[in-house]
Amino acid sequence: MDGLKQELSQTSRRLSDYRKRLSEVQERLAAVEQVTLVTQTRELQEDDYYNMLRNEDDDDKIYDNLFLDSTQLKASGGAT
């Protein structure tokens, strides 16, 4: 009978340990899901902003003006 009690006690300890580990994994998974959601939201916002810039009127293309090559830049009066 003592052998059964000892085995039951060990099984109970293992079960408790597994539950603790599962809880820790669930917490980490929740954190990863939150980071993923924030990252995906930011990427969608950036895509929307990019598309908005690309769809401006031809006279007011902000995006294109961000990437002028050096031959298009005016001298700023600084030393070269």
C-alpha atoms as a PDB file:
ATOM      1  CA  MET A   1       0.000   0.000   0.000  1.00  0.00           C
ATOM      2  CA  ASP A   2       2.883   2.372   0.778  1.00  0.00           C
ATOM      3  CA  GLY A   3       4.226   1.807  -2.720  1.00  0.00           C
ATOM      4  CA  LEU A   4       0.937   2.961  -4.229  1.00  0.00           C
ATOM      5  CA  LYS A   5       0.882   6.088  -2.046  1.00  0.00           C
ATOM      6  CA  GLN A   6       4.455   6.911  -3.025  1.00  0.00           C
ATOM      7  CA  GLU A   7       3.691   6.401  -6.717  1.00  0.00           C
ATOM      8  CA  LEU A   8       0.546   8.536  -6.416  1.00  0.00           C
ATOM      9  CA  SER A   9       2.546  11.263  -4.691  1.00  0.00           C
ATOM     10  CA  GLN A  10       5.200  11.247  -7.438  1.00  0.00           C
ATOM     11  CA  THR A  11       2.524  11.321 -10.124  1.00  0.00           C
ATOM     12  CA  SER A  12       0.841  14.226  -8.379  1.00  0.00           C
ATOM     13  CA  ARG A  13       4.147  16.158  -8.228  1.00  0.00           C
ATOM     14  CA  ARG A  14       4.808  15.505 -11.908  1.00  0.00           C
ATOM     15  CA  LEU A  15       1.305  16.641 -12.810  1.00  0.00           C
ATOM     16  CA  SER A  16       1.808  19.822 -10.792  1.00  0.00           C
ATOM     17  CA  ASP A  17       5.130  20.440 -12.557  1.00  0.00           C
ATOM     18  CA  TYR A  18       3.535  19.890 -15.974  1.00  0.00           C
ATOM     19  CA  ARG A  19       0.745  22.323 -15.133  1.00  0.00           C
ATOM     20  CA  LYS A  20       3.290  24.941 -14.070  1.00  0.00           C
ATOM     21  CA  ARG A  21       5.277  24.484 -17.289  1.00  0.00           C
ATOM     22  CA  LEU A  22       2.109  24.657 -19.371  1.00  0.00           C
ATOM     23  CA  SER A  23       1.123  27.889 -17.647  1.00  0.00           C
ATOM     24  CA  GLU A  24       4.559  29.397 -18.388  1.00  0.00           C
ATOM     25  CA  VAL A  25       4.339  28.348 -22.037  1.00  0.00           C
ATOM     26  CA  GLN A  26       0.844  29.843 -22.303  1.00  0.00           C
ATOM     27  CA  GLU A  27       2.123  33.142 -20.874  1.00  0.00           C
ATOM     28  CA  ARG A  28       5.004  33.229 -23.363  1.00  0.00           C
ATOM     29  CA  LEU A  29       2.649  32.366 -26.214  1.00  0.00           C
ATOM     30  CA  ALA A  30       0.320  35.207 -25.208  1.00  0.00           C
ATOM     31  CA  ALA A  31       3.262  37.631 -25.222  1.00  0.00           C
ATOM     32  CA  VAL A  32       4.404  36.414 -28.656  1.00  0.00           C
ATOM     33  CA  GLU A  33       0.858  36.774 -30.003  1.00  0.00           C
ATOM     34  CA  GLN A  34       0.676  40.350 -28.697  1.00  0.00           C
ATOM     35  CA  VAL A  35       4.008  41.260 -30.295  1.00  0.00           C
ATOM     36  CA  THR A  36       2.921  39.646 -33.565  1.00  0.00           C
ATOM     37  CA  LEU A  37      -0.347  41.579 -33.549  1.00  0.00           C
ATOM     38  CA  VAL A  38       1.427  44.886 -32.899  1.00  0.00           C
ATOM     39  CA  THR A  39       3.973  44.149 -35.626  1.00  0.00           C
ATOM     40  CA  GLN A  40       1.315  43.193 -38.170  1.00  0.00           C
ATOM     41  CA  THR A  41      -0.738  46.295 -37.307  1.00  0.00           C
ATOM     42  CA  ARG A  42       2.321  48.521 -37.763  1.00  0.00           C
ATOM     43  CA  GLU A  43       3.155  46.872 -41.098  1.00  0.00           C
ATOM     44  CA  LEU A  44      -0.405  47.404 -42.335  1.00  0.00           C
ATOM     45  CA  GLN A  45      -0.293  51.035 -41.275  1.00  0.00           C
ATOM     46  CA  GLU A  46       3.031  51.502 -43.061  1.00  0.00           C
ATOM     47  CA  ASP A  47       1.611  49.856 -46.196  1.00  0.00           C
ATOM     48  CA  ASP A  48      -1.436  52.150 -46.060  1.00  0.00           C
ATOM     49  CA  TYR A  49       0.798  55.193 -45.644  1.00  0.00           C
ATOM     50  CA  TYR A  50       3.045  54.077 -48.500  1.00  0.00           C
ATOM     51  CA  ASN A  51       0.025  53.552 -50.767  1.00  0.00           C
ATOM     52  CA  MET A  52      -1.359  56.941 -49.797  1.00  0.00           C
ATOM     53  CA  LEU A  53       1.936  58.586 -50.755  1.00  0.00           C
ATOM     54  CA  ARG A  54       2.087  56.690 -54.051  1.00  0.00           C
ATOM     55  CA  ASN A  55      -1.488  57.728 -54.949  1.00  0.00           C
ATOM     56  CA  GLU A  56      -0.998  61.490 -54.502  1.00  0.00           C
ATOM     57  CA  ASP A  57      -1.801  63.782 -57.452  1.00  0.00           C
ATOM     58  CA  ASP A  58       1.003  64.089 -59.992  1.00  0.00           C
ATOM     59  CA  ASP A  59       1.639  67.697 -58.929  1.00  0.00           C
ATOM     60  CA  ASP A  60       2.032  66.711 -55.284  1.00  0.00           C
ATOM     61  CA  LYS A  61       3.885  63.370 -55.146  1.00  0.00           C
ATOM     62  CA  ILE A  62       5.438  63.470 -51.709  1.00  0.00           C
ATOM     63  CA  TYR A  63       6.917  59.993 -52.022  1.00  0.00           C
ATOM     64  CA  ASP A  64       8.782  60.723 -55.241  1.00  0.00           C
ATOM     65  CA  ASN A  65      10.274  63.869 -53.725  1.00  0.00           C
ATOM     66  CA  LEU A  66      11.740  61.836 -50.884  1.00  0.00           C
ATOM     67  CA  PHE A  67      14.089  60.018 -53.226  1.00  0.00           C
ATOM     68  CA  LEU A  68      15.645  62.663 -55.444  1.00  0.00           C
ATOM     69  CA  ASP A  69      19.045  61.790 -56.803  1.00  0.00           C
ATOM     70  CA  SER A  70      22.042  64.033 -56.072  1.00  0.00           C
ATOM     71  CA  THR A  71      21.829  65.807 -59.461  1.00  0.00           C
ATOM     72  CA  GLN A  72      18.377  67.100 -58.530  1.00  0.00           C
ATOM     73  CA  LEU A  73      19.386  68.568 -55.180  1.00  0.00           C
ATOM     74  CA  LYS A  74      19.997  72.292 -54.797  1.00  0.00           C
ATOM     75  CA  ALA A  75      23.137  73.502 -53.049  1.00  0.00           C
ATOM     76  CA  SER A  76      22.379  74.403 -49.447  1.00  0.00           C
ATOM     77  CA  GLY A  77      25.157  76.943 -49.139  1.00  0.00           C
ATOM     78  CA  GLY A  78      27.260  74.737 -46.865  1.00  0.00           C
ATOM     79  CA  ALA A  79      30.885  73.865 -47.353  1.00  0.00           C
ATOM     80  CA  THR A  80      31.565  70.910 -49.623  1.00  0.00           C
END
